[in-house]
N, C-alpha and C. Protein backbone atom coordinates (compact mmCIF):
# COMPACT_ATOMS: atom_id res chain seq x y z
N MET A 1 -19.27 13.41 0.05
CA MET A 1 -18.00 13.97 0.45
C MET A 1 -16.85 13.17 -0.15
N VAL A 2 -15.83 13.86 -0.55
CA VAL A 2 -14.68 13.24 -1.18
C VAL A 2 -13.57 13.03 -0.16
N LEU A 3 -13.01 11.86 -0.18
CA LEU A 3 -11.89 11.54 0.71
C LEU A 3 -10.64 12.21 0.18
N ARG A 4 -9.90 12.84 1.05
CA ARG A 4 -8.63 13.47 0.66
C ARG A 4 -7.52 12.84 1.47
N ALA A 5 -6.69 12.09 0.80
CA ALA A 5 -5.57 11.44 1.49
C ALA A 5 -4.34 11.53 0.60
N ASN A 6 -3.21 11.78 1.20
CA ASN A 6 -1.95 11.87 0.48
C ASN A 6 -1.04 10.74 0.96
N PRO A 7 -0.70 9.79 0.08
CA PRO A 7 0.12 8.66 0.53
C PRO A 7 1.48 9.09 1.08
N ASN A 8 2.02 10.20 0.57
CA ASN A 8 3.32 10.66 1.04
C ASN A 8 3.29 11.17 2.48
N ARG A 9 2.10 11.40 3.00
CA ARG A 9 1.97 11.87 4.38
C ARG A 9 1.62 10.74 5.34
N LEU A 10 1.46 9.54 4.81
CA LEU A 10 1.13 8.39 5.65
C LEU A 10 2.40 7.61 5.99
N ARG A 11 2.66 7.43 7.28
CA ARG A 11 3.86 6.68 7.70
C ARG A 11 3.82 5.25 7.19
N VAL A 12 2.63 4.67 7.10
CA VAL A 12 2.54 3.28 6.64
C VAL A 12 2.99 3.17 5.17
N HIS A 13 2.71 4.18 4.37
CA HIS A 13 3.15 4.17 2.98
C HIS A 13 4.67 4.30 2.90
N GLN A 14 5.24 5.14 3.72
CA GLN A 14 6.69 5.31 3.75
C GLN A 14 7.37 4.02 4.16
N LEU A 15 6.84 3.37 5.19
CA LEU A 15 7.41 2.10 5.65
C LEU A 15 7.26 1.02 4.59
N ALA A 16 6.11 0.98 3.93
CA ALA A 16 5.88 -0.01 2.87
C ALA A 16 6.85 0.22 1.70
N SER A 17 7.13 1.45 1.39
CA SER A 17 8.10 1.75 0.32
C SER A 17 9.50 1.29 0.72
N ASP A 18 9.85 1.46 1.98
CA ASP A 18 11.14 0.98 2.48
C ASP A 18 11.23 -0.55 2.38
N VAL A 19 10.16 -1.23 2.77
CA VAL A 19 10.14 -2.70 2.70
C VAL A 19 10.26 -3.15 1.25
N ALA A 20 9.60 -2.45 0.34
CA ALA A 20 9.69 -2.81 -1.08
C ALA A 20 11.13 -2.68 -1.58
N ALA A 21 11.77 -1.58 -1.27
CA ALA A 21 13.16 -1.37 -1.71
C ALA A 21 14.10 -2.41 -1.09
N ASP A 22 13.93 -2.66 0.20
CA ASP A 22 14.77 -3.66 0.87
C ASP A 22 14.53 -5.06 0.31
N SER A 23 13.30 -5.33 -0.09
CA SER A 23 12.97 -6.64 -0.67
C SER A 23 13.66 -6.84 -2.01
N VAL A 24 13.79 -5.77 -2.78
CA VAL A 24 14.50 -5.86 -4.06
C VAL A 24 15.95 -6.25 -3.81
N PHE A 25 16.58 -5.59 -2.86
CA PHE A 25 17.99 -5.90 -2.56
C PHE A 25 18.14 -7.32 -2.02
N LEU A 26 17.22 -7.74 -1.16
CA LEU A 26 17.27 -9.09 -0.62
C LEU A 26 17.08 -10.13 -1.71
N ALA A 27 16.12 -9.91 -2.59
CA ALA A 27 15.81 -10.88 -3.64
C ALA A 27 17.01 -11.12 -4.55
N ARG A 28 17.83 -10.11 -4.73
CA ARG A 28 19.03 -10.26 -5.56
C ARG A 28 20.02 -11.26 -4.98
N THR A 29 19.91 -11.54 -3.69
CA THR A 29 20.85 -12.45 -3.04
C THR A 29 20.36 -13.89 -3.00
N PHE A 30 19.12 -14.12 -3.41
CA PHE A 30 18.57 -15.47 -3.34
C PHE A 30 19.37 -16.43 -4.21
N LYS A 31 19.56 -17.64 -3.69
CA LYS A 31 20.27 -18.68 -4.41
C LYS A 31 19.44 -19.95 -4.36
N GLY A 32 19.82 -20.91 -5.15
CA GLY A 32 19.17 -22.22 -5.10
C GLY A 32 18.03 -22.35 -6.09
N PRO A 33 17.30 -23.47 -5.97
CA PRO A 33 16.21 -23.75 -6.90
C PRO A 33 15.15 -22.65 -6.87
N ALA A 34 14.74 -22.23 -8.02
CA ALA A 34 13.68 -21.24 -8.20
C ALA A 34 13.98 -19.90 -7.53
N ALA A 35 15.26 -19.58 -7.39
CA ALA A 35 15.64 -18.33 -6.72
C ALA A 35 15.04 -17.11 -7.41
N LEU A 36 15.07 -17.09 -8.72
CA LEU A 36 14.52 -15.93 -9.45
C LEU A 36 13.01 -15.83 -9.25
N LYS A 37 12.33 -16.95 -9.28
CA LYS A 37 10.87 -16.93 -9.10
C LYS A 37 10.50 -16.52 -7.68
N ARG A 38 11.22 -17.04 -6.70
CA ARG A 38 10.96 -16.67 -5.31
C ARG A 38 11.23 -15.18 -5.09
N GLY A 39 12.32 -14.70 -5.64
CA GLY A 39 12.66 -13.29 -5.51
C GLY A 39 11.63 -12.40 -6.19
N ASP A 40 11.19 -12.81 -7.37
CA ASP A 40 10.18 -12.04 -8.09
C ASP A 40 8.87 -11.98 -7.31
N GLN A 41 8.48 -13.10 -6.73
CA GLN A 41 7.23 -13.14 -5.96
C GLN A 41 7.31 -12.24 -4.73
N LEU A 42 8.45 -12.26 -4.05
CA LEU A 42 8.64 -11.39 -2.89
C LEU A 42 8.55 -9.92 -3.30
N VAL A 43 9.26 -9.57 -4.35
CA VAL A 43 9.30 -8.17 -4.79
C VAL A 43 7.91 -7.71 -5.23
N ARG A 44 7.20 -8.55 -5.97
CA ARG A 44 5.85 -8.19 -6.43
C ARG A 44 4.92 -7.96 -5.25
N ALA A 45 4.98 -8.83 -4.24
CA ALA A 45 4.12 -8.67 -3.07
C ALA A 45 4.48 -7.40 -2.30
N ALA A 46 5.78 -7.16 -2.12
CA ALA A 46 6.22 -5.98 -1.36
C ALA A 46 5.84 -4.68 -2.07
N ILE A 47 6.03 -4.62 -3.37
CA ILE A 47 5.67 -3.42 -4.13
C ILE A 47 4.16 -3.22 -4.11
N SER A 48 3.42 -4.30 -4.12
CA SER A 48 1.97 -4.22 -4.11
C SER A 48 1.43 -3.57 -2.84
N ILE A 49 2.13 -3.72 -1.74
CA ILE A 49 1.67 -3.10 -0.49
C ILE A 49 1.60 -1.59 -0.66
N SER A 50 2.71 -0.98 -1.03
CA SER A 50 2.73 0.49 -1.16
C SER A 50 1.86 0.96 -2.32
N SER A 51 1.78 0.17 -3.38
CA SER A 51 0.94 0.55 -4.52
C SER A 51 -0.53 0.59 -4.13
N ASN A 52 -0.98 -0.40 -3.37
CA ASN A 52 -2.38 -0.42 -2.95
C ASN A 52 -2.70 0.68 -1.96
N ILE A 53 -1.75 1.05 -1.12
CA ILE A 53 -1.97 2.18 -0.21
C ILE A 53 -2.11 3.46 -1.02
N ALA A 54 -1.24 3.65 -2.01
CA ALA A 54 -1.32 4.83 -2.86
C ALA A 54 -2.65 4.85 -3.62
N GLU A 55 -3.07 3.71 -4.13
CA GLU A 55 -4.33 3.66 -4.85
C GLU A 55 -5.51 3.94 -3.92
N ALA A 56 -5.43 3.48 -2.68
CA ALA A 56 -6.48 3.77 -1.70
C ALA A 56 -6.64 5.28 -1.53
N CYS A 57 -5.51 5.97 -1.49
CA CYS A 57 -5.55 7.42 -1.32
C CYS A 57 -6.14 8.14 -2.52
N GLY A 58 -6.07 7.51 -3.67
CA GLY A 58 -6.62 8.11 -4.88
C GLY A 58 -8.10 7.86 -5.08
N ARG A 59 -8.68 7.04 -4.24
CA ARG A 59 -10.10 6.73 -4.34
C ARG A 59 -10.92 7.83 -3.70
N GLY A 60 -12.18 7.92 -4.07
CA GLY A 60 -13.00 9.05 -3.63
C GLY A 60 -13.79 8.84 -2.36
N THR A 61 -13.96 7.60 -1.95
CA THR A 61 -14.81 7.38 -0.78
C THR A 61 -14.06 6.56 0.28
N VAL A 62 -14.56 6.64 1.49
CA VAL A 62 -13.97 5.87 2.59
C VAL A 62 -14.10 4.38 2.30
N ARG A 63 -15.24 3.97 1.75
CA ARG A 63 -15.45 2.55 1.44
C ARG A 63 -14.40 2.03 0.47
N GLU A 64 -14.12 2.80 -0.59
CA GLU A 64 -13.09 2.39 -1.55
C GLU A 64 -11.70 2.44 -0.92
N PHE A 65 -11.46 3.46 -0.12
CA PHE A 65 -10.19 3.58 0.59
C PHE A 65 -9.92 2.32 1.42
N ARG A 66 -10.93 1.92 2.16
CA ARG A 66 -10.78 0.73 3.01
C ARG A 66 -10.58 -0.53 2.19
N GLN A 67 -11.26 -0.64 1.06
CA GLN A 67 -11.11 -1.83 0.22
C GLN A 67 -9.66 -1.99 -0.25
N PHE A 68 -9.03 -0.90 -0.65
CA PHE A 68 -7.65 -0.99 -1.10
C PHE A 68 -6.67 -1.20 0.06
N LEU A 69 -7.04 -0.75 1.24
CA LEU A 69 -6.22 -1.08 2.41
C LEU A 69 -6.26 -2.59 2.68
N LEU A 70 -7.41 -3.20 2.44
CA LEU A 70 -7.50 -4.66 2.58
C LEU A 70 -6.62 -5.36 1.55
N TYR A 71 -6.59 -4.84 0.34
CA TYR A 71 -5.69 -5.42 -0.67
C TYR A 71 -4.24 -5.29 -0.23
N ALA A 72 -3.90 -4.12 0.33
CA ALA A 72 -2.53 -3.89 0.82
C ALA A 72 -2.20 -4.87 1.94
N ARG A 73 -3.17 -5.10 2.82
CA ARG A 73 -2.95 -6.05 3.92
C ARG A 73 -2.73 -7.46 3.39
N GLY A 74 -3.49 -7.84 2.37
CA GLY A 74 -3.29 -9.15 1.76
C GLY A 74 -1.90 -9.28 1.15
N SER A 75 -1.44 -8.23 0.50
CA SER A 75 -0.09 -8.25 -0.07
C SER A 75 0.97 -8.31 1.03
N ALA A 76 0.71 -7.65 2.14
CA ALA A 76 1.65 -7.70 3.27
C ALA A 76 1.73 -9.12 3.83
N GLN A 77 0.59 -9.78 3.92
CA GLN A 77 0.58 -11.17 4.40
C GLN A 77 1.34 -12.08 3.43
N GLU A 78 1.16 -11.84 2.14
CA GLU A 78 1.90 -12.62 1.13
C GLU A 78 3.40 -12.36 1.25
N CYS A 79 3.77 -11.12 1.46
CA CYS A 79 5.17 -10.76 1.64
C CYS A 79 5.75 -11.48 2.86
N LEU A 80 5.00 -11.50 3.95
CA LEU A 80 5.44 -12.21 5.15
C LEU A 80 5.67 -13.69 4.87
N SER A 81 4.78 -14.29 4.13
CA SER A 81 4.91 -15.70 3.79
C SER A 81 6.18 -15.95 2.98
N GLN A 82 6.45 -15.09 2.02
CA GLN A 82 7.66 -15.22 1.20
C GLN A 82 8.92 -15.04 2.04
N LEU A 83 8.89 -14.09 2.96
CA LEU A 83 10.04 -13.84 3.82
C LEU A 83 10.30 -15.02 4.75
N ARG A 84 9.25 -15.58 5.29
CA ARG A 84 9.40 -16.73 6.20
C ARG A 84 9.98 -17.93 5.46
N THR A 85 9.53 -18.12 4.24
CA THR A 85 10.08 -19.21 3.43
C THR A 85 11.55 -18.94 3.11
N ALA A 86 11.86 -17.71 2.75
CA ALA A 86 13.25 -17.36 2.42
C ALA A 86 14.17 -17.57 3.62
N ARG A 87 13.68 -17.24 4.82
CA ARG A 87 14.51 -17.43 6.02
C ARG A 87 14.79 -18.90 6.27
N ARG A 88 13.84 -19.76 5.96
CA ARG A 88 14.05 -21.20 6.15
C ARG A 88 15.04 -21.77 5.12
N ILE A 89 15.03 -21.19 3.94
CA ILE A 89 15.89 -21.69 2.87
C ILE A 89 17.32 -21.18 3.01
N ASP A 90 17.49 -19.93 3.43
CA ASP A 90 18.82 -19.33 3.50
C ASP A 90 19.05 -18.75 4.89
N SER A 91 19.61 -19.54 5.76
CA SER A 91 19.83 -19.11 7.15
C SER A 91 20.93 -18.06 7.27
N THR A 92 21.75 -17.88 6.23
CA THR A 92 22.83 -16.88 6.30
C THR A 92 22.27 -15.46 6.27
N ARG A 93 21.07 -15.30 5.76
CA ARG A 93 20.46 -13.96 5.67
C ARG A 93 19.35 -13.78 6.70
N SER A 94 19.29 -14.64 7.70
CA SER A 94 18.15 -14.65 8.61
C SER A 94 17.96 -13.34 9.37
N GLU A 95 19.04 -12.64 9.72
CA GLU A 95 18.89 -11.37 10.43
C GLU A 95 18.24 -10.31 9.55
N ASP A 96 18.70 -10.21 8.31
CA ASP A 96 18.11 -9.24 7.38
C ASP A 96 16.65 -9.57 7.11
N ILE A 97 16.38 -10.84 6.92
CA ILE A 97 15.01 -11.27 6.62
C ILE A 97 14.12 -11.02 7.84
N ALA A 98 14.60 -11.32 9.03
CA ALA A 98 13.81 -11.09 10.25
C ALA A 98 13.49 -9.61 10.42
N ARG A 99 14.42 -8.75 10.07
CA ARG A 99 14.19 -7.30 10.15
C ARG A 99 13.05 -6.90 9.21
N LEU A 100 13.08 -7.45 8.00
CA LEU A 100 12.01 -7.16 7.03
C LEU A 100 10.68 -7.73 7.51
N GLU A 101 10.72 -8.90 8.09
CA GLU A 101 9.49 -9.49 8.64
C GLU A 101 8.89 -8.58 9.70
N SER A 102 9.73 -8.07 10.59
CA SER A 102 9.25 -7.19 11.67
C SER A 102 8.60 -5.93 11.10
N LYS A 103 9.25 -5.34 10.11
CA LYS A 103 8.69 -4.14 9.49
C LYS A 103 7.35 -4.45 8.83
N THR A 104 7.26 -5.62 8.22
CA THR A 104 6.02 -5.99 7.54
C THR A 104 4.90 -6.24 8.54
N VAL A 105 5.21 -6.82 9.67
CA VAL A 105 4.21 -7.01 10.73
C VAL A 105 3.70 -5.65 11.21
N VAL A 106 4.60 -4.69 11.35
CA VAL A 106 4.21 -3.33 11.75
C VAL A 106 3.27 -2.74 10.70
N ILE A 107 3.56 -2.97 9.44
CA ILE A 107 2.69 -2.47 8.36
C ILE A 107 1.29 -3.05 8.50
N VAL A 108 1.19 -4.35 8.75
CA VAL A 108 -0.13 -4.99 8.91
C VAL A 108 -0.90 -4.31 10.05
N LYS A 109 -0.23 -4.05 11.15
CA LYS A 109 -0.88 -3.40 12.29
C LYS A 109 -1.30 -1.97 11.95
N MET A 110 -0.43 -1.25 11.27
CA MET A 110 -0.74 0.13 10.89
C MET A 110 -1.92 0.18 9.92
N LEU A 111 -1.96 -0.77 9.00
CA LEU A 111 -3.08 -0.81 8.05
C LEU A 111 -4.40 -1.06 8.79
N GLY A 112 -4.36 -1.91 9.81
CA GLY A 112 -5.56 -2.15 10.60
C GLY A 112 -6.06 -0.90 11.29
N LYS A 113 -5.14 -0.13 11.85
CA LYS A 113 -5.52 1.12 12.52
C LYS A 113 -6.03 2.16 11.52
N LEU A 114 -5.38 2.23 10.36
CA LEU A 114 -5.81 3.18 9.33
C LEU A 114 -7.18 2.81 8.78
N TYR A 115 -7.43 1.51 8.67
CA TYR A 115 -8.74 1.03 8.22
C TYR A 115 -9.84 1.52 9.18
N LEU A 116 -9.57 1.43 10.47
CA LEU A 116 -10.56 1.84 11.47
C LEU A 116 -10.68 3.36 11.60
N ASN A 117 -9.61 4.07 11.25
CA ASN A 117 -9.58 5.53 11.38
C ASN A 117 -9.08 6.18 10.10
N PRO A 118 -9.87 6.15 9.04
CA PRO A 118 -9.42 6.73 7.76
C PRO A 118 -9.29 8.26 7.85
N PRO A 119 -8.56 8.86 6.91
CA PRO A 119 -8.44 10.32 6.89
C PRO A 119 -9.84 10.94 6.73
N PRO A 120 -9.98 12.16 7.21
CA PRO A 120 -11.30 12.81 7.12
C PRO A 120 -11.68 13.13 5.67
N SER A 121 -12.98 13.13 5.42
CA SER A 121 -13.50 13.54 4.11
C SER A 121 -13.66 15.04 4.10
N ARG A 122 -13.62 15.59 2.88
CA ARG A 122 -13.81 17.05 2.77
C ARG A 122 -14.93 17.34 1.81
């Protein structure tokens, strides 16, 4: 049986895309030592979340779907780490960063639920 999943119909993909876009805007504001590298790492991790969810949906089996959800979860954890570091470095943006952290935590939880309850096969 082939798994049929559409990333545009998954709320977790929509939220991950929002986090990726917000991360791009946040990274542009980074200052200080290695600001460009830190910003690039944050953006790469955030974009990787939604990309891995989309790739999971393009896979043919539940096993492959779940594997890419695990990759997405790893990217979400990396994104959280980058955000927590950014908040410690730049306290002036702490509210914006905390909002992104909260959204990313929700993504991790949603990925866990989706992993346990994948879309039906056809």
